[in-house]
Structures are given as structure tokens and as C-alpha cells.
N, C-alpha and C. Protein backbone atom coordinates (compact mmCIF):
# COMPACT_ATOMS: atom_id res chain seq x y z
N UNK A 1 9.28 19.63 -67.12
CA UNK A 1 10.50 18.77 -66.51
C UNK A 1 10.46 17.86 -67.36
N UNK A 2 12.23 17.74 -67.36
CA UNK A 2 12.53 16.29 -68.06
C UNK A 2 12.75 15.27 -67.28
N UNK A 3 12.87 13.83 -67.79
CA UNK A 3 12.47 12.91 -66.70
C UNK A 3 13.83 12.91 -65.91
N UNK A 4 15.41 13.19 -66.51
CA UNK A 4 16.27 13.20 -65.64
C UNK A 4 16.03 14.23 -64.65
N UNK A 5 15.33 15.43 -64.63
CA UNK A 5 15.29 16.16 -63.60
C UNK A 5 14.38 15.31 -62.36
N UNK A 6 13.90 14.65 -62.75
CA UNK A 6 12.15 14.40 -62.16
C UNK A 6 13.26 13.24 -60.75
N UNK A 7 13.99 12.34 -62.07
CA UNK A 7 14.78 11.12 -61.46
C UNK A 7 15.92 12.18 -59.96
N UNK A 8 16.05 12.94 -60.63
CA UNK A 8 17.22 13.52 -59.50
C UNK A 8 16.16 14.71 -58.15
N UNK A 9 15.07 14.80 -58.64
CA UNK A 9 14.71 15.65 -57.28
C UNK A 9 13.86 14.31 -56.07
N UNK A 10 13.34 13.14 -57.41
CA UNK A 10 13.09 12.30 -56.66
C UNK A 10 14.30 11.45 -55.67
N UNK A 11 15.89 11.23 -56.20
CA UNK A 11 16.41 11.01 -55.19
C UNK A 11 17.07 11.85 -54.35
N UNK A 12 16.88 13.23 -54.71
CA UNK A 12 17.29 14.47 -53.01
C UNK A 12 16.42 13.91 -52.27
N UNK A 13 15.23 13.84 -52.33
CA UNK A 13 13.87 13.86 -51.51
C UNK A 13 14.68 12.41 -50.79
N UNK A 14 14.20 11.11 -51.78
CA UNK A 14 14.17 10.20 -50.67
C UNK A 14 15.47 10.31 -49.69
N UNK A 15 16.49 10.87 -50.13
CA UNK A 15 17.83 11.09 -48.81
C UNK A 15 17.38 11.95 -48.37
N UNK A 16 16.66 12.91 -48.41
CA UNK A 16 16.44 14.15 -47.09
C UNK A 16 15.64 13.41 -46.26
N UNK A 17 14.36 12.23 -46.47
CA UNK A 17 13.74 11.77 -45.85
C UNK A 17 14.49 10.95 -44.76
N UNK A 18 15.12 9.89 -45.66
CA UNK A 18 15.92 8.73 -44.96
C UNK A 18 16.50 9.28 -43.91
N UNK A 19 17.21 10.62 -43.54
CA UNK A 19 18.36 11.25 -42.60
C UNK A 19 17.87 11.48 -41.64
N UNK A 20 16.30 11.41 -41.09
CA UNK A 20 15.64 12.10 -39.98
C UNK A 20 15.97 10.00 -38.87
N UNK A 21 15.29 10.91 -38.09
CA UNK A 21 15.30 9.56 -36.93
C UNK A 21 13.95 8.70 -37.25
N UNK A 22 14.02 7.74 -36.97
CA UNK A 22 12.38 6.68 -36.96
C UNK A 22 12.45 6.35 -35.87
N UNK A 23 10.70 6.65 -35.97
CA UNK A 23 10.03 6.22 -34.99
C UNK A 23 9.83 7.42 -34.41
N UNK A 24 8.77 7.52 -33.40
CA UNK A 24 8.12 8.49 -32.32
C UNK A 24 9.05 9.32 -31.51
N UNK A 25 8.84 10.81 -31.25
CA UNK A 25 10.09 11.03 -30.29
C UNK A 25 9.80 10.53 -29.06
N UNK A 26 11.15 10.51 -28.19
CA UNK A 26 10.83 10.17 -27.17
C UNK A 26 10.79 11.33 -26.06
N UNK A 27 10.23 11.34 -25.21
CA UNK A 27 10.28 12.40 -24.20
C UNK A 27 11.40 12.51 -22.99
N UNK A 28 11.54 13.18 -22.57
CA UNK A 28 12.95 13.87 -22.41
C UNK A 28 12.94 13.11 -20.77
N UNK A 29 11.75 13.14 -20.46
CA UNK A 29 11.43 12.67 -18.76
C UNK A 29 11.63 10.68 -18.91
N UNK A 30 11.72 10.27 -19.84
CA UNK A 30 12.01 9.03 -20.04
C UNK A 30 13.65 8.63 -20.49
N UNK A 31 14.43 9.43 -20.74
CA UNK A 31 15.64 9.44 -21.21
C UNK A 31 16.78 10.07 -19.78
N UNK A 32 17.37 9.22 -19.47
CA UNK A 32 18.80 9.78 -18.52
C UNK A 32 18.95 8.57 -17.51
N UNK A 33 19.74 9.43 -16.63
CA UNK A 33 19.95 8.87 -15.22
C UNK A 33 18.88 8.36 -14.12
N UNK A 34 17.71 9.53 -13.91
CA UNK A 34 16.83 9.83 -12.70
C UNK A 34 16.11 8.82 -13.34
N UNK A 35 15.25 8.37 -14.52
CA UNK A 35 14.15 7.26 -14.76
C UNK A 35 14.47 6.18 -14.59
N UNK A 36 16.03 6.35 -14.77
CA UNK A 36 16.40 4.37 -14.87
C UNK A 36 16.97 4.65 -13.11
N UNK A 37 17.22 5.10 -12.39
CA UNK A 37 17.25 4.93 -11.08
C UNK A 37 15.84 4.64 -10.59
N UNK A 38 14.81 5.56 -10.87
CA UNK A 38 13.36 5.61 -10.45
C UNK A 38 13.13 4.02 -10.35
N UNK A 39 13.52 3.38 -12.14
CA UNK A 39 13.18 2.55 -12.00
C UNK A 39 13.64 1.24 -11.41
N UNK A 40 14.79 1.37 -11.05
CA UNK A 40 15.66 0.19 -10.07
C UNK A 40 14.89 0.65 -8.77
N UNK A 41 15.07 1.58 -8.19
CA UNK A 41 13.79 1.35 -6.65
C UNK A 41 13.19 0.74 -6.73
N UNK A 42 11.95 0.72 -7.95
CA UNK A 42 10.67 0.29 -8.10
C UNK A 42 11.11 -1.36 -8.02
N UNK A 43 11.70 -1.87 -8.36
CA UNK A 43 12.42 -3.39 -8.83
C UNK A 43 12.96 -3.87 -7.74
N UNK A 44 13.84 -2.87 -6.99
CA UNK A 44 14.22 -3.35 -5.26
C UNK A 44 13.01 -3.37 -4.08
N UNK A 45 12.50 -2.34 -4.74
CA UNK A 45 11.40 -2.41 -3.78
C UNK A 45 10.53 -3.75 -3.63
N UNK A 46 10.16 -4.37 -4.99
CA UNK A 46 8.96 -5.33 -5.35
C UNK A 46 9.90 -6.60 -5.18
N UNK A 47 11.11 -6.65 -5.22
CA UNK A 47 11.73 -7.94 -5.18
C UNK A 47 12.12 -7.92 -3.15
N UNK A 48 12.33 -6.69 -2.84
CA UNK A 48 12.00 -7.17 -0.85
C UNK A 48 10.71 -7.35 -0.74
N UNK A 49 9.62 -7.32 -1.22
CA UNK A 49 8.28 -7.59 -0.84
C UNK A 49 8.48 -8.54 -1.43
N UNK A 50 8.78 -9.41 -2.37
CA UNK A 50 8.70 -10.70 -2.93
C UNK A 50 9.28 -11.78 -1.87
N UNK A 51 10.52 -11.31 -1.15
CA UNK A 51 11.65 -12.02 -0.05
C UNK A 51 10.89 -11.80 1.13
N UNK A 52 10.05 -10.63 1.56
CA UNK A 52 9.40 -10.71 3.06
C UNK A 52 8.18 -11.56 2.86
N UNK A 53 7.32 -12.17 1.53
CA UNK A 53 6.80 -13.66 1.34
C UNK A 53 6.82 -14.41 1.74
N UNK A 54 8.46 -14.84 1.63
CA UNK A 54 8.52 -16.08 1.86
C UNK A 54 9.31 -15.91 3.36
N UNK A 55 8.91 -17.52 3.88
CA UNK A 55 8.49 -17.81 4.94
C UNK A 55 9.69 -18.10 5.37
N UNK A 56 10.41 -17.74 7.02
CA UNK A 56 10.96 -17.81 7.55
C UNK A 56 12.03 -18.92 7.25
N UNK A 57 11.66 -20.13 7.39
CA UNK A 57 12.16 -21.76 7.45
C UNK A 57 13.11 -21.44 6.17
N UNK A 58 12.27 -21.15 4.92
CA UNK A 58 12.83 -21.48 3.38
C UNK A 58 14.19 -20.89 3.65
N UNK A 59 14.14 -19.12 4.25
CA UNK A 59 15.27 -18.79 4.09
C UNK A 59 16.62 -18.75 5.16
N UNK A 60 15.90 -19.64 6.33
CA UNK A 60 17.12 -19.60 6.61
C UNK A 60 17.68 -21.17 6.24
N UNK A 61 16.98 -22.26 5.61
CA UNK A 61 17.66 -23.09 5.13
C UNK A 61 18.64 -22.73 3.96
N UNK A 62 18.17 -21.86 3.18
CA UNK A 62 19.17 -21.60 2.05
C UNK A 62 20.40 -20.73 2.53
N UNK A 63 20.22 -19.93 3.30
CA UNK A 63 21.66 -19.02 4.36
C UNK A 63 22.31 -21.11 4.76
N UNK A 64 22.20 -21.77 5.37
CA UNK A 64 22.76 -22.97 6.36
C UNK A 64 23.06 -23.94 5.14
N UNK A 65 23.72 -23.76 4.40
CA UNK A 65 24.28 -24.56 3.62
C UNK A 65 25.59 -24.92 3.73
N UNK A 66 26.21 -25.61 3.92
CA UNK A 66 27.68 -26.29 4.72
C UNK A 66 28.11 -26.07 3.71
N UNK A 67 28.29 -25.84 2.37
CA UNK A 67 28.73 -25.91 1.04
C UNK A 67 29.39 -23.98 1.37
N UNK A 68 28.27 -23.49 1.33
CA UNK A 68 28.92 -21.92 1.05
C UNK A 68 29.03 -21.33 2.67
N UNK A 69 29.49 -21.93 3.93
CA UNK A 69 29.70 -22.02 5.20
C UNK A 69 31.74 -21.44 5.11
N UNK A 70 32.17 -20.86 5.52
CA UNK A 70 33.59 -20.53 5.71
C UNK A 70 34.25 -19.93 4.78
N UNK A 71 35.89 -19.32 4.84
CA UNK A 71 36.41 -19.03 3.70
C UNK A 71 37.29 -19.56 2.88
N UNK A 72 37.09 -21.29 3.18
CA UNK A 72 37.74 -22.34 1.88
C UNK A 72 37.16 -22.23 0.88
N UNK A 73 36.46 -21.27 0.16
CA UNK A 73 36.19 -21.31 -0.92
C UNK A 73 36.79 -20.85 -2.32
N UNK A 74 36.92 -22.02 -3.19
CA UNK A 74 38.09 -21.83 -4.32
C UNK A 74 37.60 -20.98 -5.28
N UNK A 75 38.17 -19.86 -5.54
CA UNK A 75 37.68 -19.08 -6.54
C UNK A 75 38.45 -19.08 -8.03
N UNK A 76 38.29 -18.68 -8.82
CA UNK A 76 39.01 -19.49 -10.16
C UNK A 76 39.65 -17.82 -10.40
N UNK A 77 40.88 -18.07 -10.98
CA UNK A 77 42.50 -17.78 -11.11
C UNK A 77 41.83 -15.95 -11.71
N UNK A 78 42.62 -15.23 -10.91
CA UNK A 78 42.75 -13.78 -11.33
C UNK A 78 42.88 -13.21 -12.68
N UNK A 79 43.77 -14.05 -13.56
CA UNK A 79 43.93 -13.55 -14.78
C UNK A 79 44.41 -15.20 -15.11
N UNK A 80 43.24 -15.55 -16.42
CA UNK A 80 43.49 -17.24 -16.86
C UNK A 80 44.47 -17.56 -17.73
N UNK A 81 45.14 -18.79 -17.83
CA UNK A 81 46.28 -19.13 -18.44
C UNK A 81 45.91 -19.31 -19.77
N UNK A 82 46.53 -18.89 -20.48
CA UNK A 82 46.42 -19.37 -22.38
C UNK A 82 45.46 -18.19 -22.94
N UNK A 83 45.05 -17.33 -22.33
CA UNK A 83 44.30 -16.25 -23.02
C UNK A 83 44.48 -14.85 -23.18
N UNK A 84 44.21 -14.56 -23.87
CA UNK A 84 44.73 -13.01 -24.08
C UNK A 84 43.74 -12.41 -23.72
């Protein structure tokens, strides 16, 4: 085998191995919408447990802030001026 042929074979082998996916394969149970929804449900359940652990006095103090009551809240414009 000549040196040029060896270089060509090495180059082709390097390109063929570089075209594959990097890393371990991912099981199909971990991909898609269903696992994402399951994770979100678990996260919401954990957050609800944390909210239940907060004493009732602290929860009512946050809700009764005078700045948050009423409909006179200034909202940002729907279409900002001067931007594209």
C-alpha cells in the first residue's frame, strides 16, 4: 500500500466516524411530550406542597398589598414606539 492510499483511507475512515451522533443513545421513554408533561406535573405538585407549608398569615399579607389591588394598573404599550 502506498503512502497516499493510506492517507486517503485514514481520511475516509475519519469522516465516516465523524458523521455519527456524539454520546450515548437516549431511550425513547425520555424523549417527547409525555415525559415533559410528567416532569411539569411533579414540579407543580412540589410547588403546591411548598405553598401549603407557608403559614396563612404570610400568604394573606402578600395578597393584600394596596399597590396590587384595583384595575388602575399601568400596563406597557402594546407596540413600543421606536422599535422594529
